[in-house]
Structure formats: structure tokens, C-alpha cells
Amino acid sequence: MAETGLRGFAQVVLQTNLLTGALILAGLFAYSWQAGVFGLFGTVVATVTAYLLGADRTAIHQGLHGFNGCLTGVAVLVFLGMHLSTWLLALFGAAAATLVSAALATVFSTWGLTGLTAPFCVVSGVMVVGAPSFARLWHTGSPAALPTVTTGDRALSWNDLWHAFFNNVAEIFLLNTWYSGLLILAGLFLAGVRVGLFAVAGSVLGIVVAWAFGAPAAVIANGIYGYNAVLVAIALGVTFLAHGTWETGYALFGAVLSCALTASLTSFFKPFGGHTFTWPFILTTWLLLLAVPGLTRLRRA
């Protein structure tokens, strides 16, 4: 069960390496003990739900039913605070993420796609948007506003740059501390040098593109524009496509595309208090993978 749980953490970044999972867990606890506990809780609940409902054992052992639960547990903590109701939502949400994951696997298998982190986005999005309507679920006053994507100082300092580089990795798990990002990035390099290098490339591209488009420095430094680029770079550059020159360029193009999509989706979700989560990564990856069969220069892994 311990190995399955660690693979569940690693599967958030599309890996199965146990040391990667251990360093991700360390990154969560480095952020706060609450984040570590809720990440663990969500992973265990989602995995146990998959066991009880008879999901494929190989997929369970690979952590494929744990990672959305991990993200859901962290999400409800980050957006709703630590209360008894949050524990109940984490329990319900992590279990529901397993069901959504199974449903998406059934639907998307026809096109050779996976659900990625969509179950986390769907379940957490519904709970976070709905929570302010219920007094026993919402304990933090007025709903927090989403980051403003067009206002603020645009001059990047060295401090902004290196914080952004690591926060782009940490924000995959809804964390905004550079040392959590450092631990997670180290875990990615342990999964493979290619994995680490594509994570680095995604983070750098996230910074460059956001700066070139004129995003506020504070938003860039917090990792808001880069974490989806990191995930897209790993997904297309390492996991789903063959390792070649054209595929590498395609993966980096996807990372750039996800940055622009982050701004669009943030503006889309803002009026009703929704959150972007990893939707830019999901939509970009799905779109570019669906295009591959019609592009003779590109090959699936």
C-alpha cells in the first residue's frame, strides 16, 4: 500500500518512480503539515475506493487511481481551510474522483486518451464553487478572488525569476513555496534526466511567454503561468510521444500554448469564482494528442 501511495503522488506528474513520489510528499509537508496530511488522505481514500469497487489491480498499483485524490485533498484544504467539513469534503471528493476517473477512462479509451487530472478539476471545481452557498462548508468570509492577470508591475527582478522557476513546479500541487518546488523538481530528475529537463524547459517557457505577453511580475513569480507548461512539457516530451526532434518541438509548442490558455481560462472562471486548476494542461494535451494521427512527422510513444 505504501508503494501504491507513493506512485499515486508521482502520477500527478505522470511518473511511477517511488523516490519521485517520496520527494513530492516531502514537498507537500515542507509547505505545511496540513497539506501533507490532506494529500496523503486523498490518495489513500481514492486508492481504497478503487480497491473496493474492483478497479484494475495493475492500474491501482501504478498509482493511477490515487493521484486525483491527492490533488483533491490538497485543493479543498487550500481553498476551504482546515475544518471538520473539509475532512468530509476531502473524503467525498477523493472517492468521487475515482469514479470520474473510471468514467473518463471508459469514454476516452476510444481516442487513445487518458483523463489526466480532469477528475480532480471536475470534483474540486464543483466543491469549491459550491461551498460559499453552504454556511457549514464555508468558513473563510467572502470567496477569494482569482489572480488578476492584466494589472500590476511587469518588471521582473532576479528574485521574481528564481521564485517563478521553482513555484512553476510547486503550483502543480497548489503550493507557492519555492522550496516545495525544489523538492518536487529533484524528484522529477530522479524519475529520469529527460523528465527533469522537460520540467525545466516548461518552467522557463512559462516565465518567458508570460513576461513577453506582459503579465504582472507578481503573478509570474507565484507560478500561475508556468505550472501547466511544466505538465504539458512532461506529458508530450516524455510520456505520450516518441522521443524525437519533431516531438520535442511539438511538446515545447504545447507548453507555450498552455500559458496563453491559462490567461483565457482564468478570465473565464473569474465571474463565478471558479478556479483554473490544471485545465490548461488537460485541454492542451488532449488537443495536441488528438492531432497526432493526422501529422506524419509525429509518433505516439
Protein backbone atom coordinates (compact mmCIF):
# COMPACT_ATOMS: atom_id res chain seq x y z
CA MET A 1 0.00 0.00 0.00
CA ALA A 2 2.89 2.37 0.77
CA GLU A 3 4.39 1.88 -2.69
CA THR A 4 0.99 2.34 -4.30
CA GLY A 5 0.53 5.60 -2.39
CA LEU A 6 3.93 6.94 -3.41
CA ARG A 7 3.21 6.10 -7.04
CA GLY A 8 -0.06 7.97 -6.63
CA PHE A 9 1.87 11.13 -5.76
CA ALA A 10 4.27 10.57 -8.65
CA GLN A 11 1.43 10.04 -11.14
CA VAL A 12 0.39 13.66 -10.73
CA VAL A 13 3.48 14.42 -12.83
CA LEU A 14 2.98 11.29 -14.98
CA GLN A 15 5.67 9.17 -13.27
CA THR A 16 5.77 5.92 -11.30
CA ASN A 17 9.12 6.32 -9.55
CA LEU A 18 8.86 5.74 -5.79
CA LEU A 19 11.54 8.30 -4.95
CA THR A 20 9.72 10.88 -7.05
CA GLY A 21 6.59 10.20 -5.01
CA ALA A 22 8.53 10.44 -1.76
CA LEU A 23 10.01 13.82 -2.66
CA ILE A 24 6.61 15.12 -3.75
CA LEU A 25 5.21 14.08 -0.39
CA ALA A 26 8.17 15.81 1.28
CA GLY A 27 7.36 18.93 -0.76
CA LEU A 28 3.78 18.88 0.50
CA PHE A 29 4.90 18.56 4.12
CA ALA A 30 7.52 21.28 3.56
CA TYR A 31 4.67 23.60 2.58
CA SER A 32 2.66 22.65 5.68
CA TRP A 33 1.88 19.55 7.68
CA GLN A 34 -1.77 20.06 6.77
CA ALA A 35 -1.01 19.91 3.03
CA GLY A 36 0.97 16.71 3.55
CA VAL A 37 -1.78 15.08 5.59
CA PHE A 38 -4.59 16.06 3.22
CA GLY A 39 -2.54 14.91 0.23
CA LEU A 40 -1.99 11.56 1.94
CA PHE A 41 -5.62 11.32 2.99
CA GLY A 42 -6.91 12.00 -0.52
CA THR A 43 -4.51 9.48 -2.06
CA VAL A 44 -5.47 6.73 0.40
CA VAL A 45 -9.22 7.35 0.08
CA ALA A 46 -9.10 7.33 -3.73
CA THR A 47 -6.96 4.19 -3.80
CA VAL A 48 -9.12 2.31 -1.28
CA THR A 49 -12.25 3.30 -3.22
CA ALA A 50 -10.72 1.81 -6.37
CA TYR A 51 -9.89 -1.42 -4.49
CA LEU A 52 -13.37 -1.73 -3.01
CA LEU A 53 -15.08 -1.16 -6.35
CA GLY A 54 -12.90 -3.69 -8.17
CA ALA A 55 -10.82 -1.44 -10.39
CA ASP A 56 -7.96 -2.99 -12.35
CA ARG A 57 -5.32 -4.01 -9.82
CA THR A 58 -2.38 -3.17 -12.09
CA ALA A 59 -3.70 0.37 -12.56
CA ILE A 60 -4.18 0.70 -8.81
CA HIS A 61 -0.62 -0.45 -8.05
CA GLN A 62 0.71 2.03 -10.61
CA GLY A 63 -0.94 4.85 -8.66
CA LEU A 64 -3.40 5.68 -11.43
CA HIS A 65 -6.33 5.83 -9.02
CA GLY A 66 -4.56 7.82 -6.32
CA PHE A 67 -3.21 10.99 -7.89
CA ASN A 68 -6.52 12.77 -8.48
CA GLY A 69 -7.45 12.05 -4.88
CA CYS A 70 -4.17 13.60 -3.75
CA LEU A 71 -4.85 16.82 -5.65
CA THR A 72 -8.46 16.93 -4.48
CA GLY A 73 -7.41 16.61 -0.85
CA VAL A 74 -4.91 19.45 -1.17
CA ALA A 75 -7.39 21.61 -3.11
CA VAL A 76 -10.14 21.54 -0.50
CA LEU A 77 -7.60 22.38 2.19
CA VAL A 78 -6.13 25.30 0.23
CA PHE A 79 -9.46 26.84 -0.76
CA LEU A 80 -11.70 25.93 2.19
CA GLY A 81 -9.32 25.82 5.16
CA MET A 82 -8.90 23.11 7.78
CA HIS A 83 -12.27 22.30 9.35
CA LEU A 84 -14.28 19.18 10.07
CA SER A 85 -16.35 19.87 6.97
CA THR A 86 -13.15 20.00 4.90
CA TRP A 87 -12.21 16.49 6.01
CA LEU A 88 -15.65 15.28 4.93
CA LEU A 89 -15.33 17.03 1.57
CA ALA A 90 -11.86 15.55 1.08
CA LEU A 91 -13.28 12.09 1.83
CA PHE A 92 -16.21 12.52 -0.55
CA GLY A 93 -14.17 14.31 -3.21
CA ALA A 94 -11.33 11.79 -3.34
CA ALA A 95 -13.81 8.91 -3.65
CA ALA A 96 -15.75 10.79 -6.34
CA ALA A 97 -12.52 11.48 -8.25
CA THR A 98 -12.01 7.72 -8.57
CA LEU A 99 -15.48 7.33 -10.07
CA VAL A 100 -14.96 10.20 -12.51
CA SER A 101 -11.58 8.74 -13.45
CA ALA A 102 -13.16 5.38 -14.29
CA ALA A 103 -15.89 7.07 -16.31
CA LEU A 104 -13.42 9.13 -18.33
CA ALA A 105 -11.24 6.08 -18.95
CA THR A 106 -14.23 4.32 -20.48
CA VAL A 107 -15.12 7.27 -22.71
CA PHE A 108 -11.61 8.31 -23.78
CA SER A 109 -10.18 4.86 -24.48
CA THR A 110 -11.74 5.12 -27.94
CA TRP A 111 -9.42 8.00 -28.80
CA GLY A 112 -6.35 6.73 -27.01
CA LEU A 113 -6.55 9.43 -24.33
CA THR A 114 -6.48 9.34 -20.55
CA GLY A 115 -8.37 11.52 -18.11
CA LEU A 116 -5.14 13.08 -16.78
CA THR A 117 -6.06 15.39 -13.88
CA ALA A 118 -9.57 16.12 -15.19
CA PRO A 119 -11.28 14.16 -12.36
CA PHE A 120 -9.53 16.41 -9.83
CA CYS A 121 -10.55 19.53 -11.76
CA VAL A 122 -14.18 18.46 -12.08
CA VAL A 123 -14.69 17.33 -8.48
CA SER A 124 -12.67 20.10 -6.81
CA GLY A 125 -14.18 22.74 -9.08
CA VAL A 126 -17.71 21.72 -8.17
CA MET A 127 -16.98 21.67 -4.44
CA VAL A 128 -15.03 24.94 -4.30
CA VAL A 129 -17.57 26.86 -6.39
CA GLY A 130 -20.50 25.45 -4.42
CA ALA A 131 -19.04 25.77 -0.91
CA PRO A 132 -19.83 29.51 -0.36
CA SER A 133 -23.53 28.66 -0.66
CA PHE A 134 -23.42 26.50 2.46
CA ALA A 135 -22.71 28.00 5.88
CA ARG A 136 -21.37 24.74 7.29
CA LEU A 137 -18.91 24.32 4.45
CA TRP A 138 -17.68 27.89 4.00
CA HIS A 139 -15.66 29.35 6.89
CA THR A 140 -13.47 31.98 5.24
CA GLY A 141 -15.72 35.00 4.64
CA SER A 142 -16.11 36.29 1.10
CA PRO A 143 -14.88 33.93 -1.63
CA ALA A 144 -11.27 34.66 -2.57
CA ALA A 145 -10.82 36.50 -5.84
CA LEU A 146 -8.81 34.86 -8.60
CA PRO A 147 -5.48 36.41 -9.53
CA THR A 148 -5.81 39.47 -11.74
CA VAL A 149 -4.00 38.63 -14.94
CA THR A 150 -3.57 42.07 -16.51
CA THR A 151 -2.65 44.53 -13.76
CA GLY A 152 0.49 45.08 -11.70
CA ASP A 153 4.18 45.81 -12.16
CA ARG A 154 5.62 43.93 -15.15
CA ALA A 155 9.33 44.39 -14.40
CA LEU A 156 10.82 41.05 -13.37
CA SER A 157 13.57 41.11 -10.76
CA TRP A 158 16.08 38.31 -10.18
CA ASN A 159 14.08 37.41 -7.07
CA ASP A 160 10.93 37.10 -9.18
CA LEU A 161 12.71 34.92 -11.73
CA TRP A 162 14.13 32.28 -9.43
CA HIS A 163 10.98 32.15 -7.33
CA ALA A 164 8.92 31.70 -10.50
CA PHE A 165 11.20 28.90 -11.71
CA PHE A 166 10.54 26.74 -8.65
CA ASN A 167 6.97 27.93 -7.99
CA ASN A 168 6.04 26.81 -11.50
CA VAL A 169 6.69 23.28 -10.27
CA ALA A 170 5.17 23.71 -6.80
CA GLU A 171 1.90 25.14 -8.19
CA ILE A 172 1.16 21.81 -9.82
CA PHE A 173 0.15 20.84 -6.29
CA LEU A 174 -1.40 24.26 -5.49
CA LEU A 175 1.67 25.26 -3.44
CA ASN A 176 3.51 28.57 -3.77
CA THR A 177 6.74 27.98 -1.87
CA TRP A 178 9.98 27.70 -3.81
CA TYR A 179 11.45 25.02 -1.55
CA SER A 180 8.48 22.72 -2.22
CA GLY A 181 9.11 23.26 -5.93
CA LEU A 182 12.79 22.44 -5.46
CA LEU A 183 11.96 19.13 -3.77
CA ILE A 184 9.44 18.19 -6.45
CA LEU A 185 11.86 19.12 -9.24
CA ALA A 186 14.54 16.95 -7.62
CA GLY A 187 12.02 14.11 -7.63
CA LEU A 188 11.41 14.65 -11.34
CA PHE A 189 15.12 14.36 -12.08
CA LEU A 190 15.19 11.11 -10.09
CA ALA A 191 12.47 9.81 -12.43
CA GLY A 192 14.83 10.49 -15.31
CA VAL A 193 17.09 13.20 -16.65
CA ARG A 194 14.76 13.70 -19.62
CA VAL A 195 11.82 14.18 -17.26
CA GLY A 196 13.70 16.79 -15.25
CA LEU A 197 14.93 18.63 -18.34
CA PHE A 198 11.46 18.90 -19.84
CA ALA A 199 10.15 20.16 -16.48
CA VAL A 200 12.89 22.80 -16.53
CA ALA A 201 12.07 23.71 -20.14
CA GLY A 202 8.37 24.04 -19.30
CA SER A 203 9.11 26.26 -16.33
CA VAL A 204 11.43 28.51 -18.33
CA LEU A 205 8.95 28.79 -21.18
CA GLY A 206 6.19 29.66 -18.73
CA ILE A 207 8.25 32.57 -17.45
CA VAL A 208 9.39 33.79 -20.87
CA VAL A 209 5.96 33.63 -22.51
CA ALA A 210 4.16 35.29 -19.61
CA TRP A 211 6.77 38.06 -19.49
CA ALA A 212 6.69 38.55 -23.28
CA PHE A 213 2.90 38.89 -23.18
CA GLY A 214 3.12 41.44 -20.35
CA ALA A 215 1.82 39.50 -17.35
CA PRO A 216 2.32 41.09 -13.91
CA ALA A 217 5.59 40.12 -12.25
CA ALA A 218 3.92 39.03 -9.01
CA VAL A 219 1.64 36.60 -10.85
CA ILE A 220 4.60 35.14 -12.77
CA ALA A 221 6.64 34.83 -9.57
CA ASN A 222 3.82 32.90 -7.90
CA GLY A 223 3.96 30.26 -10.63
CA ILE A 224 0.49 30.94 -12.02
CA TYR A 225 1.58 30.86 -15.66
CA GLY A 226 4.17 28.11 -15.53
CA TYR A 227 2.79 25.02 -13.81
CA ASN A 228 0.60 23.96 -16.71
CA ALA A 229 3.56 24.44 -19.07
CA VAL A 230 5.64 22.11 -16.89
CA LEU A 231 2.96 19.41 -17.04
CA VAL A 232 2.44 19.75 -20.80
CA ALA A 233 6.19 19.57 -21.44
CA ILE A 234 6.48 16.34 -19.44
CA ALA A 235 3.32 14.80 -20.91
CA LEU A 236 4.23 15.40 -24.56
CA GLY A 237 8.00 15.44 -24.29
CA VAL A 238 8.38 12.30 -22.21
CA THR A 239 5.22 10.26 -21.63
CA PHE A 240 2.86 10.19 -24.61
CA LEU A 241 5.01 10.91 -27.66
CA ALA A 242 8.12 9.28 -29.08
CA HIS A 243 11.44 10.90 -28.28
CA GLY A 244 12.44 12.74 -31.42
CA THR A 245 13.22 16.21 -32.71
CA TRP A 246 9.75 16.91 -34.08
CA GLU A 247 8.10 15.57 -30.95
CA THR A 248 10.33 17.75 -28.77
CA GLY A 249 9.37 20.85 -30.71
CA TYR A 250 5.71 19.86 -30.52
CA ALA A 251 5.94 19.44 -26.75
CA LEU A 252 7.52 22.86 -26.30
CA PHE A 253 4.88 24.41 -28.55
CA GLY A 254 2.26 22.84 -26.28
CA ALA A 255 3.91 24.37 -23.23
CA VAL A 256 3.69 27.81 -24.85
CA LEU A 257 0.06 27.22 -25.81
CA SER A 258 -0.86 26.30 -22.25
CA CYS A 259 0.42 29.66 -20.99
CA ALA A 260 -1.98 31.57 -23.24
CA LEU A 261 -4.80 29.20 -22.32
CA THR A 262 -4.12 29.82 -18.62
CA ALA A 263 -4.95 33.51 -19.06
CA SER A 264 -8.10 32.74 -21.05
CA LEU A 265 -9.44 30.18 -18.60
CA THR A 266 -8.64 32.35 -15.58
CA SER A 267 -10.76 35.12 -17.10
CA PHE A 268 -13.47 32.58 -17.94
CA PHE A 269 -13.70 31.19 -14.40
CA LYS A 270 -13.40 34.52 -12.58
CA PRO A 271 -17.05 35.76 -12.81
CA PHE A 272 -18.41 32.77 -10.89
CA GLY A 273 -15.50 32.16 -8.52
CA GLY A 274 -14.16 29.11 -10.29
CA HIS A 275 -10.51 28.11 -10.46
CA THR A 276 -8.27 27.29 -13.39
CA PHE A 277 -6.55 24.34 -11.68
CA THR A 278 -4.84 22.18 -14.36
CA TRP A 279 -7.42 22.67 -17.13
CA PRO A 280 -4.89 24.37 -19.47
CA PHE A 281 -2.63 21.31 -19.21
CA ILE A 282 -5.51 18.91 -19.79
CA LEU A 283 -7.06 20.71 -22.76
CA THR A 284 -3.71 21.41 -24.43
CA THR A 285 -2.54 17.81 -24.04
CA TRP A 286 -5.82 16.33 -25.27
CA LEU A 287 -5.92 18.65 -28.29
CA LEU A 288 -2.34 18.01 -29.37
CA LEU A 289 -2.58 14.24 -28.87
CA LEU A 290 -5.77 14.08 -30.92
CA ALA A 291 -3.94 15.87 -33.74
CA VAL A 292 -1.04 13.41 -33.87
CA PRO A 293 -2.65 10.73 -36.12
CA GLY A 294 -3.06 13.34 -38.83
CA LEU A 295 0.53 14.61 -38.61
CA THR A 296 3.03 12.26 -40.22
CA ARG A 297 6.08 13.85 -38.61
CA LEU A 298 4.86 12.89 -35.13
CA ARG A 299 4.65 9.49 -33.43
CA ARG A 300 2.93 8.34 -30.28
CA ALA A 301 5.10 6.55 -27.71
